[in-house]
């Protein structure tokens, strides 16, 4: 998109202001009322830029006659004036807000652009509200302010009464009933998706623990044993944060008990760090999902980062893993990729191959913050193909720049709410490990329709393509992720065969053109490995495809010189 300040007939040059436009619309937020701007667009195919489109000229309306708002904020019970109260006029037609603070007499006043507004009122130590006596913007009353109006809005706030403090307690033992020394963490939830971390506690010699919690909170509890031969878990018997039980606090909560299982012993593991783009540590929950796990083994492992952002897994069942970082606060979760690409589609995650003896290090995440928030939201349900609700699935909104604006996690009833969205076009996607991705949906939020309900998705469980039961017994066909990945210039590709059969293993480039055939012949049953040397190729993404009888599998790999 190219832009010139002024009319087409004015002097001056067009300047490129936007590229990689994937939608059929463009919004220019850097404009002034009453000004004139000119635009044209081009298309780029295979690095060749087209001739300019027919230019257009747009003149914006001049600014309207301003209005004036004023009023007073008082204590609902005493009637006393409230200084330093915040009054926000939130426009229906844009994302910018008008902030006003009351003076020492509780009064406020300000010129304002005419339009439709929601009004927010808040003060430290008081319950906030929206006009007119609403608890959220979805139920607030929209007010219309016309040019030249002088409008008075007065508000009375109720004083905040600290919530009652209760106790949440439980016990941790192993499968034999013996008490377990463990660190127990508690997470306070918001919208079932975002959370804040509380300082952990430790069990006593009898395995007992307790937390102080507040009335109306919703929390998740996680137990990590000191003994690494035991598996950590979330309550109740859940291995991932998304699926963990959400515990509502309305009184003292007892018997939040854990029975931790033993795991087989391997001297291996995965370690890495979770940081933001400024190289600062980010508190996160990290999950390692073991691909192709059978029902006899845990399919996932949980860990938490320390103050430096470091996490680690040890004593893992050998196999392929994909990893997910779910950070605290206003960050977007992501699966791990060697290229550092952010994704909430688990099939786009890169596999980390763990053998029985090695520690795989450097599996690092860089998490990105959520963009500036708006007032729109999207709600719906996430269901399985049998009609049952899917708990712990991700639903996320991708904006016009292909960035994730916000996300939600479905609850035990399959319900979700993606909140804090600004007006615009979004692609809404849903995903959960071991499910096939549902068809994404395009949703438009505009200034008159910023709340959309019943955006529902149905996920189909994935059929298992490999059931590797142990490190030594081969029961099924499988094609493993190459290691290392990314690589330079040589990488190893491993696969397993349950019987003697003809095998072809072929490498393709991103355009689907065949690069080389690594295997083409009959092989015996068992585990096999072959090297691929890319020293004569360009850096980039490649794919390798294995066919053995009716078994076909494809993986991607990244070559970095």
Protein backbone atom coordinates (compact mmCIF):
# COMPACT_ATOMS: atom_id res chain seq x y z
CA UNK A 1 0.00 0.00 0.00
CA UNK A 2 1.42 3.38 -1.04
CA UNK A 3 0.25 6.72 0.42
CA UNK A 4 0.67 10.42 -0.32
CA UNK A 5 -0.33 13.24 2.01
CA UNK A 6 -2.58 15.41 -0.14
CA UNK A 7 -4.70 15.20 -3.26
CA UNK A 8 -3.66 13.36 -6.40
CA UNK A 9 -3.00 16.70 -8.08
CA UNK A 10 -0.77 17.91 -5.24
CA UNK A 11 3.01 17.69 -5.40
CA UNK A 12 4.77 15.08 -3.32
CA UNK A 13 5.70 11.43 -3.56
CA UNK A 14 3.87 8.24 -2.71
CA UNK A 15 5.53 6.30 0.13
CA UNK A 16 5.09 2.60 0.94
CA UNK A 17 3.21 2.41 4.27
CA UNK A 18 2.24 -1.27 4.45
CA UNK A 19 3.26 -4.62 2.96
CA UNK A 20 2.21 -8.27 3.23
CA UNK A 21 -1.51 -7.43 3.20
CA UNK A 22 -3.39 -10.74 3.48
CA UNK A 23 -6.91 -9.33 3.71
CA UNK A 24 -8.85 -7.35 1.11
CA UNK A 25 -8.95 -4.23 3.25
CA UNK A 26 -6.49 -1.77 4.77
CA UNK A 27 -7.01 0.61 7.71
CA UNK A 28 -4.89 3.74 7.97
CA UNK A 29 -4.90 5.00 11.56
CA UNK A 30 -2.40 7.80 10.86
CA UNK A 31 -4.79 10.39 9.47
CA UNK A 32 -6.23 13.74 10.59
CA UNK A 33 -9.81 15.04 10.36
CA UNK A 34 -10.39 17.34 7.39
CA UNK A 35 -7.20 16.22 5.60
CA UNK A 36 -6.88 14.66 2.13
CA UNK A 37 -4.85 11.54 1.32
CA UNK A 38 -4.12 9.55 -1.84
CA UNK A 39 -3.41 5.81 -2.15
CA UNK A 40 -2.58 3.04 -4.59
CA UNK A 41 -1.70 -0.65 -4.18
CA UNK A 42 0.58 -3.15 -5.91
CA UNK A 43 0.85 -6.93 -5.91
CA UNK A 44 4.07 -8.93 -5.46
CA UNK A 45 4.49 -12.39 -7.02
CA UNK A 46 7.84 -14.21 -6.82
CA UNK A 47 9.59 -10.96 -5.80
CA UNK A 48 8.20 -9.16 -8.89
CA UNK A 49 6.11 -6.07 -8.07
CA UNK A 50 3.17 -5.19 -10.32
CA UNK A 51 2.32 -1.82 -11.79
CA UNK A 52 0.34 0.50 -9.45
CA UNK A 53 -3.41 0.18 -9.26
CA UNK A 54 -5.65 3.10 -10.13
CA UNK A 55 -5.03 5.70 -7.38
CA UNK A 56 -7.79 6.88 -5.07
CA UNK A 57 -8.21 10.17 -3.23
CA UNK A 58 -9.93 10.38 0.15
CA UNK A 59 -10.89 13.54 2.06
CA UNK A 60 -11.89 13.04 5.68
CA UNK A 61 -14.70 14.97 7.29
CA UNK A 62 -13.64 18.01 9.33
CA UNK A 63 -13.74 17.67 13.11
CA UNK A 64 -17.23 18.20 14.60
CA UNK A 65 -18.17 20.91 17.06
CA UNK A 66 -16.95 19.61 20.44
CA UNK A 67 -19.24 18.72 23.32
CA UNK A 68 -18.60 19.10 27.06
CA UNK A 69 -19.05 16.52 29.82
CA UNK A 70 -18.90 17.15 33.55
CA UNK A 71 -20.12 15.72 36.84
CA UNK A 72 -19.25 14.47 40.30
CA UNK A 73 -18.20 11.15 41.86
CA UNK A 74 -19.27 10.44 45.46
CA UNK A 75 -19.27 7.65 48.04
CA UNK A 76 -22.49 5.63 47.68
CA UNK A 77 -22.97 5.29 51.46
CA UNK A 78 -21.68 8.55 52.95
CA UNK A 79 -22.25 10.89 50.01
CA UNK A 80 -18.73 12.29 50.47
CA UNK A 81 -16.90 13.57 47.41
CA UNK A 82 -14.29 11.19 45.95
CA UNK A 83 -11.09 12.85 44.69
CA UNK A 84 -8.72 11.02 42.30
CA UNK A 85 -11.52 8.90 40.84
CA UNK A 86 -11.03 7.83 37.23
CA UNK A 87 -13.76 8.51 34.66
CA UNK A 88 -13.24 7.01 31.19
CA UNK A 89 -15.42 7.73 28.17
CA UNK A 90 -14.89 4.69 25.93
CA UNK A 91 -15.97 5.44 22.34
CA UNK A 92 -18.01 2.90 20.42
CA UNK A 93 -16.39 4.09 17.19
CA UNK A 94 -12.65 3.89 18.03
CA UNK A 95 -10.19 2.39 20.50
CA UNK A 96 -8.88 5.67 21.97
CA UNK A 97 -10.32 6.66 25.35
CA UNK A 98 -10.89 9.93 27.20
CA UNK A 99 -9.38 9.74 30.69
CA UNK A 100 -10.56 12.21 33.34
CA UNK A 101 -9.54 12.36 37.03
CA UNK A 102 -11.77 14.02 39.60
CA UNK A 103 -10.37 16.97 41.55
CA UNK A 104 -10.23 17.36 45.34
CA UNK A 105 -13.99 18.07 45.39
CA UNK A 106 -14.84 14.98 43.36
CA UNK A 107 -15.65 17.01 40.24
CA UNK A 108 -14.56 16.30 36.67
CA UNK A 109 -15.02 18.08 33.35
CA UNK A 110 -13.63 17.81 29.84
CA UNK A 111 -14.33 18.75 26.20
CA UNK A 112 -15.12 15.64 24.18
CA UNK A 113 -15.65 14.66 20.55
CA UNK A 114 -19.36 13.96 19.91
CA UNK A 115 -20.28 10.32 19.52
CA UNK A 116 -21.50 7.19 21.29
CA UNK A 117 -19.70 6.23 24.51
CA UNK A 118 -19.58 3.72 27.32
CA UNK A 119 -18.60 5.31 30.64
CA UNK A 120 -16.29 3.62 33.16
CA UNK A 121 -15.85 4.88 36.74
CA UNK A 122 -13.28 3.57 39.22
CA UNK A 123 -11.31 4.51 42.30
CA UNK A 124 -8.81 2.68 44.47
CA UNK A 125 -10.65 1.09 47.39
CA UNK A 126 -14.03 1.11 45.60
CA UNK A 127 -15.87 -1.21 43.25
CA UNK A 128 -15.61 0.04 39.68
CA UNK A 129 -18.71 0.24 37.50
CA UNK A 130 -19.95 1.17 34.05
CA UNK A 131 -22.81 3.53 33.37
CA UNK A 132 -25.57 2.84 34.34
CA UNK A 133 -24.74 0.63 37.41
CA UNK A 134 -23.33 -2.16 35.22
CA UNK A 135 -20.56 -4.56 36.25
CA UNK A 136 -19.07 -4.92 32.76
CA UNK A 137 -19.05 -3.19 29.41
CA UNK A 138 -21.25 -5.88 27.86
CA UNK A 139 -24.20 -4.78 30.04
CA UNK A 140 -23.34 -1.07 30.12
CA UNK A 141 -25.65 1.63 28.72
CA UNK A 142 -24.40 3.35 25.58
CA UNK A 143 -24.79 7.15 25.75
CA UNK A 144 -24.99 9.54 22.81
CA UNK A 145 -23.27 12.93 23.04
CA UNK A 146 -24.17 15.38 20.27
CA UNK A 147 -22.17 18.35 18.91
CA UNK A 148 -22.38 21.33 21.23
CA UNK A 149 -23.93 19.32 24.11
CA UNK A 150 -23.04 20.08 27.71
CA UNK A 151 -23.93 16.90 29.60
CA UNK A 152 -23.74 16.07 33.31
CA UNK A 153 -23.10 12.52 34.55
CA UNK A 154 -22.87 11.92 38.30
CA UNK A 155 -21.77 8.66 39.88
CA UNK A 156 -21.81 7.03 43.32
CA UNK A 157 -19.34 4.19 44.01
CA UNK A 158 -19.64 1.47 46.64
CA UNK A 159 -16.67 1.06 48.95
CA UNK A 160 -14.68 -2.11 48.41
CA UNK A 161 -15.03 -4.59 51.25
CA UNK A 162 -12.06 -6.98 51.37
CA UNK A 163 -13.17 -10.53 50.53
CA UNK A 164 -13.31 -13.14 53.23
CA UNK A 165 -10.17 -15.22 53.54
CA UNK A 166 -10.54 -19.00 53.50
CA UNK A 167 -8.20 -22.00 53.58
CA UNK A 168 -7.57 -24.50 50.80
CA UNK A 169 -5.88 -27.66 52.04
CA UNK A 170 -5.04 -31.20 51.05
CA UNK A 171 -2.60 -34.08 51.20
CA UNK A 172 -0.04 -35.56 48.82
CA UNK A 173 0.89 -39.24 48.83
CA UNK A 174 2.25 -41.84 46.43
CA UNK A 175 0.49 -44.92 45.07
CA UNK A 176 1.50 -46.86 48.19
CA UNK A 177 -0.14 -44.32 50.51
CA UNK A 178 3.18 -42.93 51.78
CA UNK A 179 3.30 -39.14 52.38
CA UNK A 180 5.19 -37.15 49.75
CA UNK A 181 7.29 -34.03 50.29
CA UNK A 182 6.38 -31.66 47.49
CA UNK A 183 6.13 -28.04 46.40
CA UNK A 184 2.51 -27.02 45.86
CA UNK A 185 1.66 -24.00 43.69
CA UNK A 186 -1.63 -22.21 43.26
CA UNK A 187 -2.71 -20.08 40.30
CA UNK A 188 -5.50 -17.51 40.41
CA UNK A 189 -7.49 -17.62 37.17
CA UNK A 190 -9.03 -14.87 35.02
CA UNK A 191 -11.40 -15.72 32.15
CA UNK A 192 -10.30 -19.38 32.52
CA UNK A 193 -7.25 -18.53 30.37
CA UNK A 194 -4.99 -15.97 32.04
CA UNK A 195 -3.58 -16.46 35.50
CA UNK A 196 -1.39 -15.01 38.22
CA UNK A 197 1.04 -17.01 40.33
CA UNK A 198 1.03 -17.28 44.13
CA UNK A 199 4.09 -18.08 46.21
CA UNK A 200 4.23 -21.90 46.59
CA UNK A 201 4.11 -23.84 49.85
CA UNK A 202 5.69 -27.12 50.87
CA UNK A 203 4.05 -30.17 52.35
CA UNK A 204 4.91 -31.20 55.88
CA UNK A 205 6.27 -34.60 56.91
CA UNK A 206 2.76 -36.09 56.66
CA UNK A 207 2.24 -34.75 53.14
CA UNK A 208 -0.22 -32.06 54.23
CA UNK A 209 -0.34 -28.50 52.84
CA UNK A 210 -2.62 -25.45 53.03
CA UNK A 211 -3.08 -22.05 51.33
CA UNK A 212 -4.90 -18.88 52.26
CA UNK A 213 -7.36 -18.07 49.45
CA UNK A 214 -9.95 -15.34 48.90
CA UNK A 215 -13.69 -15.60 48.47
CA UNK A 216 -14.90 -15.74 44.82
CA UNK A 217 -11.44 -16.60 43.49
CA UNK A 218 -11.02 -19.46 41.02
CA UNK A 219 -7.74 -21.35 41.35
CA UNK A 220 -5.68 -24.18 39.85
CA UNK A 221 -3.42 -26.31 42.10
CA UNK A 222 -0.17 -27.97 40.97
CA UNK A 223 2.01 -30.44 42.92
CA UNK A 224 5.67 -31.06 42.10
CA UNK A 225 7.32 -33.78 44.24
CA UNK A 226 10.87 -33.44 45.56
CA UNK A 227 11.37 -37.06 44.49
CA UNK A 228 11.89 -36.94 40.72
CA UNK A 229 10.88 -40.57 40.39
CA UNK A 230 7.29 -39.38 40.89
CA UNK A 231 5.23 -37.59 38.26
CA UNK A 232 4.02 -34.05 39.00
CA UNK A 233 0.39 -33.27 38.29
CA UNK A 234 -2.37 -30.68 38.39
CA UNK A 235 -5.50 -31.28 40.43
CA UNK A 236 -7.39 -33.52 39.82
CA UNK A 237 -5.12 -36.12 38.17
CA UNK A 238 -4.47 -33.82 35.18
CA UNK A 239 -1.14 -33.47 33.40
CA UNK A 240 -1.74 -30.10 31.67
CA UNK A 241 -2.60 -26.65 32.94
CA UNK A 242 -5.45 -26.23 30.45
CA UNK A 243 -7.24 -29.39 31.61
CA UNK A 244 -6.66 -28.84 35.34
CA UNK A 245 -9.75 -28.53 37.53
CA UNK A 246 -10.80 -24.94 38.23
CA UNK A 247 -11.65 -24.70 41.95
CA UNK A 248 -14.14 -21.99 42.96
CA UNK A 249 -13.68 -20.50 46.44
CA UNK A 250 -16.89 -19.91 48.43
CA UNK A 251 -15.67 -21.25 51.78
CA UNK A 252 -12.92 -23.41 53.22
CA UNK A 253 -11.87 -26.08 50.70
CA UNK A 254 -10.45 -29.36 52.01
CA UNK A 255 -9.33 -32.67 50.53
CA UNK A 256 -7.58 -31.27 47.46
CA UNK A 257 -5.52 -34.45 47.55
CA UNK A 258 -2.96 -35.84 45.13
CA UNK A 259 -1.85 -39.45 44.62
CA UNK A 260 1.33 -39.21 42.55
CA UNK A 261 2.42 -42.03 40.25
CA UNK A 262 5.92 -43.41 39.86
CA UNK A 263 7.59 -43.25 36.49
CA UNK A 264 10.27 -45.42 34.87
CA UNK A 265 13.87 -44.31 35.30
CA UNK A 266 15.79 -42.77 32.38
CA UNK A 267 18.82 -40.48 32.65
CA UNK A 268 17.48 -38.06 30.05
CA UNK A 269 15.56 -34.81 29.87
CA UNK A 270 14.74 -31.52 28.19
CA UNK A 271 15.77 -28.07 29.40
CA UNK A 272 15.42 -24.50 28.19
CA UNK A 273 14.31 -20.98 29.10
CA UNK A 274 11.18 -18.87 28.58
CA UNK A 275 11.86 -15.18 27.96
CA UNK A 276 10.24 -12.22 26.24
CA UNK A 277 11.61 -10.26 23.29
CA UNK A 278 13.66 -8.10 25.69
CA UNK A 279 15.43 -11.22 27.02
CA UNK A 280 13.61 -10.99 30.37
CA UNK A 281 12.52 -14.13 32.20
CA UNK A 282 8.78 -14.88 32.06
CA UNK A 283 7.08 -17.07 34.65
CA UNK A 284 5.45 -19.91 32.71
CA UNK A 285 3.97 -23.36 32.85
CA UNK A 286 5.62 -25.67 30.32
CA UNK A 287 4.13 -28.94 29.09
CA UNK A 288 5.96 -31.67 27.17
CA UNK A 289 3.56 -33.85 25.15
CA UNK A 290 4.92 -37.25 24.17
CA UNK A 291 3.74 -38.08 20.68
CA UNK A 292 2.21 -41.49 19.97
CA UNK A 293 1.93 -42.43 23.66
CA UNK A 294 -0.12 -45.48 24.47
CA UNK A 295 -2.83 -45.54 27.12
CA UNK A 296 -0.43 -47.29 29.50
CA UNK A 297 1.87 -44.26 29.77
CA UNK A 298 1.49 -40.59 30.62
CA UNK A 299 1.11 -38.58 27.43
CA UNK A 300 2.48 -35.37 28.93
CA UNK A 301 4.74 -33.92 31.62
CA UNK A 302 4.46 -30.56 33.42
CA UNK A 303 7.12 -28.12 34.62
CA UNK A 304 7.38 -24.54 35.84
CA UNK A 305 10.05 -21.96 35.15
CA UNK A 306 12.18 -20.50 37.94
CA UNK A 307 13.03 -16.82 38.50
CA UNK A 308 15.48 -16.93 35.57
CA UNK A 309 12.90 -18.41 33.21
CA UNK A 310 14.61 -21.82 33.26
CA UNK A 311 12.56 -25.02 33.09
CA UNK A 312 13.62 -28.65 32.96
CA UNK A 313 12.17 -32.11 32.50
CA UNK A 314 13.98 -35.27 33.48
CA UNK A 315 13.35 -39.00 33.50
CA UNK A 316 11.22 -38.92 30.35
CA UNK A 317 9.97 -41.86 28.36
CA UNK A 318 12.14 -41.86 25.21
CA UNK A 319 10.38 -40.66 22.09
CA UNK A 320 9.27 -37.52 20.26
CA UNK A 321 7.92 -34.56 22.22
CA UNK A 322 6.26 -31.27 21.41
CA UNK A 323 6.45 -28.51 24.04
CA UNK A 324 4.03 -25.75 25.02
CA UNK A 325 4.82 -22.65 27.11
CA UNK A 326 1.80 -21.01 28.80
CA UNK A 327 3.14 -17.79 30.34
CA UNK A 328 1.75 -15.84 33.25
CA UNK A 329 0.07 -12.47 32.67
CA UNK A 330 -0.43 -10.69 29.37
CA UNK A 331 1.58 -12.98 27.09
CA UNK A 332 0.44 -15.33 24.34
CA UNK A 333 1.17 -19.08 24.80
CA UNK A 334 3.13 -20.84 22.07
CA UNK A 335 4.34 -24.26 21.06
CA UNK A 336 8.09 -24.68 20.53
CA UNK A 337 9.64 -24.30 17.08
CA UNK A 338 13.35 -24.24 16.35
CA UNK A 339 12.84 -21.21 14.09
CA UNK A 340 11.19 -19.27 16.94
CA UNK A 341 7.87 -18.98 15.06
CA UNK A 342 4.90 -18.41 17.38
CA UNK A 343 2.07 -20.92 16.97
CA UNK A 344 -0.90 -22.33 18.86
CA UNK A 345 -1.36 -25.13 16.31
CA UNK A 346 0.27 -28.19 17.81
CA UNK A 347 0.95 -29.72 14.39
CA UNK A 348 3.15 -26.73 13.55
CA UNK A 349 5.34 -27.42 16.59
CA UNK A 350 8.76 -28.96 15.99
CA UNK A 351 9.42 -32.36 17.55
CA UNK A 352 12.14 -32.75 20.16
CA UNK A 353 13.63 -36.25 20.05
CA UNK A 354 14.62 -37.68 23.45
CA UNK A 355 16.62 -40.88 23.77
CA UNK A 356 17.14 -42.83 26.99
CA UNK A 357 20.48 -41.24 27.99
CA UNK A 358 20.75 -37.60 26.81
CA UNK A 359 19.66 -34.19 28.08
CA UNK A 360 18.30 -32.09 25.19
CA UNK A 361 19.17 -28.46 25.99
CA UNK A 362 18.45 -25.15 24.29
CA UNK A 363 14.72 -25.74 23.83
CA UNK A 364 14.03 -22.04 24.40
CA UNK A 365 10.84 -20.01 24.01
CA UNK A 366 10.42 -16.33 23.22
CA UNK A 367 6.87 -15.32 24.18
CA UNK A 368 5.14 -12.24 22.80
CA UNK A 369 2.87 -9.85 24.71
CA UNK A 370 -0.78 -9.43 23.90
CA UNK A 371 -1.50 -6.34 21.77
CA UNK A 372 -3.30 -3.31 23.19
CA UNK A 373 -6.76 -4.43 24.25
CA UNK A 374 -10.20 -3.24 23.20
CA UNK A 375 -13.73 -3.89 24.37
CA UNK A 376 -14.92 -6.57 21.96
CA UNK A 377 -15.33 -10.26 22.70
CA UNK A 378 -16.17 -13.53 20.97
CA UNK A 379 -17.89 -16.41 22.78
CA UNK A 380 -18.78 -19.96 21.89
CA UNK A 381 -18.33 -23.66 22.58
CA UNK A 382 -15.65 -26.21 21.77
CA UNK A 383 -17.11 -29.68 21.26
CA UNK A 384 -15.82 -33.09 20.21
CA UNK A 385 -17.28 -34.91 17.22
CA UNK A 386 -19.40 -37.01 19.62
CA UNK A 387 -21.03 -33.83 20.98
CA UNK A 388 -19.17 -33.89 24.31
CA UNK A 389 -17.47 -30.67 25.52
CA UNK A 390 -13.71 -30.35 25.03
CA UNK A 391 -11.91 -29.07 28.14
CA UNK A 392 -8.57 -27.27 27.88
CA UNK A 393 -8.57 -26.48 24.17
CA UNK A 394 -7.10 -23.28 22.75
CA UNK A 395 -9.30 -20.87 20.81
CA UNK A 396 -7.50 -17.83 19.43
CA UNK A 397 -8.09 -14.75 17.29
CA UNK A 398 -5.61 -13.90 14.50
CA UNK A 399 -5.78 -10.31 13.27
CA UNK A 400 -5.27 -8.85 9.79
CA UNK A 401 -1.48 -8.79 10.32
CA UNK A 402 -1.50 -12.55 11.08
CA UNK A 403 -0.69 -11.90 14.76
CA UNK A 404 -2.54 -13.56 17.64
CA UNK A 405 -4.54 -10.79 19.34
CA UNK A 406 -5.85 -12.87 22.23
CA UNK A 407 -6.80 -16.40 23.16
CA UNK A 408 -9.07 -18.40 25.42
CA UNK A 409 -9.04 -21.84 27.02
CA UNK A 410 -12.26 -23.86 26.96
CA UNK A 411 -13.65 -24.89 30.35
CA UNK A 412 -15.11 -28.24 31.44
CA UNK A 413 -18.37 -27.39 29.66
CA UNK A 414 -16.55 -26.44 26.46
CA UNK A 415 -17.35 -22.73 26.89
CA UNK A 416 -14.83 -20.04 25.98
CA UNK A 417 -14.61 -16.23 25.79
CA UNK A 418 -11.95 -14.33 23.82
CA UNK A 419 -12.03 -10.84 25.32
CA UNK A 420 -10.33 -7.44 24.94
CA UNK A 421 -10.50 -7.33 21.12
CA UNK A 422 -10.40 -4.13 19.08
CA UNK A 423 -12.69 -3.71 16.04
CA UNK A 424 -11.42 -5.50 12.95
CA UNK A 425 -11.42 -8.77 11.01
CA UNK A 426 -10.24 -11.92 12.78
CA UNK A 427 -9.65 -15.53 11.86
CA UNK A 428 -10.81 -17.62 14.84
CA UNK A 429 -9.12 -21.00 15.18
CA UNK A 430 -9.33 -23.83 17.68
CA UNK A 431 -6.92 -26.63 18.49
CA UNK A 432 -5.99 -29.21 21.08
CA UNK A 433 -3.29 -31.85 21.14
CA UNK A 434 -4.46 -35.18 19.70
CA UNK A 435 -7.37 -33.55 17.86
CA UNK A 436 -7.68 -32.58 14.20
CA UNK A 437 -7.96 -28.84 13.69
CA UNK A 438 -11.48 -27.53 13.02
CA UNK A 439 -12.21 -25.23 10.08
CA UNK A 440 -11.29 -21.64 11.11
CA UNK A 441 -13.98 -18.95 10.99
CA UNK A 442 -13.73 -15.31 9.92
CA UNK A 443 -15.41 -12.89 12.33
CA UNK A 444 -15.77 -9.14 11.86
CA UNK A 445 -16.00 -6.92 14.92
CA UNK A 446 -17.03 -3.35 14.19
CA UNK A 447 -17.95 -0.40 16.33
CA UNK A 448 -21.65 -1.26 16.28
CA UNK A 449 -21.19 -5.03 16.66
CA UNK A 450 -18.27 -5.71 18.97
CA UNK A 451 -19.81 -8.71 20.77
CA UNK A 452 -20.28 -11.99 18.87
CA UNK A 453 -21.78 -15.11 20.44
CA UNK A 454 -22.15 -18.75 19.36
CA UNK A 455 -18.88 -19.07 17.45
CA UNK A 456 -18.73 -22.84 17.96
CA UNK A 457 -16.16 -25.41 16.87
CA UNK A 458 -16.16 -29.21 16.62
CA UNK A 459 -12.86 -31.09 16.97
CA UNK A 460 -12.35 -34.63 15.70
CA UNK A 461 -10.01 -36.90 17.71
CA UNK A 462 -6.89 -37.83 15.76
CA UNK A 463 -6.35 -41.50 15.01
CA UNK A 464 -3.02 -42.68 16.38
CA UNK A 465 -0.44 -43.25 13.64
CA UNK A 466 2.17 -44.86 15.86
CA UNK A 467 2.07 -46.66 19.19
CA UNK A 468 5.70 -46.96 20.18
CA UNK A 469 5.38 -48.89 23.44
CA UNK A 470 8.98 -49.11 24.60
CA UNK A 471 12.39 -47.95 23.46
CA UNK A 472 13.29 -51.43 22.18
CA UNK A 473 10.11 -53.07 20.90
CA UNK A 474 8.81 -51.97 17.50
CA UNK A 475 5.09 -52.59 17.10
CA UNK A 476 4.14 -50.06 14.43
CA UNK A 477 5.44 -47.91 11.62
CA UNK A 478 6.74 -44.49 12.65
CA UNK A 479 8.75 -41.67 11.11
CA UNK A 480 10.58 -39.57 13.70
CA UNK A 481 11.53 -35.91 13.57
CA UNK A 482 15.02 -35.37 12.17
CA UNK A 483 17.75 -34.53 14.68
CA UNK A 484 19.23 -32.02 15.00
CA UNK A 485 16.63 -29.61 13.67
CA UNK A 486 17.49 -26.97 12.52
CA UNK A 487 20.67 -28.52 11.12
CA UNK A 488 23.86 -27.53 9.28
CA UNK A 489 24.59 -29.34 7.02
CA UNK A 490 23.88 -32.95 8.14
CA UNK A 491 20.91 -34.34 10.03
CA UNK A 492 19.71 -37.83 10.92
CA UNK A 493 16.27 -39.22 10.08
CA UNK A 494 15.05 -42.26 12.03
CA UNK A 495 12.08 -44.55 11.45
CA UNK A 496 10.74 -47.88 12.68
CA UNK A 497 9.29 -50.87 10.83
CA UNK A 498 7.27 -53.66 12.50
CA UNK A 499 7.91 -56.03 9.59
CA UNK A 500 10.10 -56.54 6.54
CA UNK A 501 8.81 -54.28 3.79
CA UNK A 502 9.67 -51.97 0.88
CA UNK A 503 10.46 -48.41 2.01
CA UNK A 504 10.93 -45.13 0.16
CA UNK A 505 12.22 -42.03 1.96
CA UNK A 506 12.29 -38.89 -0.18
CA UNK A 507 13.23 -35.24 0.46
CA UNK A 508 11.29 -32.37 -1.19
CA UNK A 509 11.71 -28.59 -1.20
CA UNK A 510 8.97 -26.18 -0.15
CA UNK A 511 7.60 -26.12 -3.74
CA UNK A 512 7.12 -29.89 -3.69
CA UNK A 513 10.02 -30.61 -6.05
CA UNK A 514 11.91 -33.83 -5.24
CA UNK A 515 15.47 -33.19 -4.03
CA UNK A 516 16.76 -36.70 -3.38
CA UNK A 517 15.69 -40.23 -2.44
CA UNK A 518 17.43 -41.45 0.71
CA UNK A 519 15.93 -44.95 0.86
CA UNK A 520 14.34 -47.04 -1.90
CA UNK A 521 14.27 -50.75 -1.21
CA UNK A 522 13.34 -53.58 1.13
CA UNK A 523 14.37 -53.27 4.80
CA UNK A 524 14.05 -55.60 7.77
CA UNK A 525 11.82 -54.91 10.76
CA UNK A 526 13.34 -52.73 13.48
CA UNK A 527 14.76 -49.26 14.00
CA UNK A 528 16.57 -47.54 11.12
CA UNK A 529 18.43 -44.26 10.70
CA UNK A 530 19.76 -42.46 7.62
CA UNK A 531 21.80 -39.25 7.23
CA UNK A 532 20.84 -36.35 4.97
CA UNK A 533 23.57 -33.95 3.77
CA UNK A 534 22.21 -30.57 2.59
CA UNK A 535 25.59 -28.86 2.04
CA UNK A 536 24.83 -28.28 -1.66
CA UNK A 537 21.39 -26.80 -0.99
CA UNK A 538 20.14 -23.36 0.01
CA UNK A 539 18.98 -22.59 3.53
CA UNK A 540 15.26 -23.03 4.05
CA UNK A 541 12.46 -25.42 4.91
CA UNK A 542 12.43 -28.93 3.43
CA UNK A 543 10.10 -31.91 3.81
CA UNK A 544 10.85 -35.63 4.00
CA UNK A 545 8.25 -38.28 3.20
CA UNK A 546 8.29 -41.97 4.06
CA UNK A 547 6.10 -44.62 2.45
CA UNK A 548 6.07 -48.23 3.63
CA UNK A 549 3.09 -50.27 2.46
CA UNK A 550 -0.02 -48.31 3.42
CA UNK A 551 1.92 -46.17 5.91
CA UNK A 552 2.71 -42.63 4.72
CA UNK A 553 4.16 -39.86 6.91
CA UNK A 554 5.71 -36.45 6.20
CA UNK A 555 7.79 -34.12 8.41
CA UNK A 556 9.36 -30.73 7.85
CA UNK A 557 12.96 -29.79 8.68
CA UNK A 558 14.90 -26.52 8.66
CA UNK A 559 18.36 -26.11 7.12
CA UNK A 560 20.30 -23.09 8.43
CA UNK A 561 23.77 -22.37 7.05
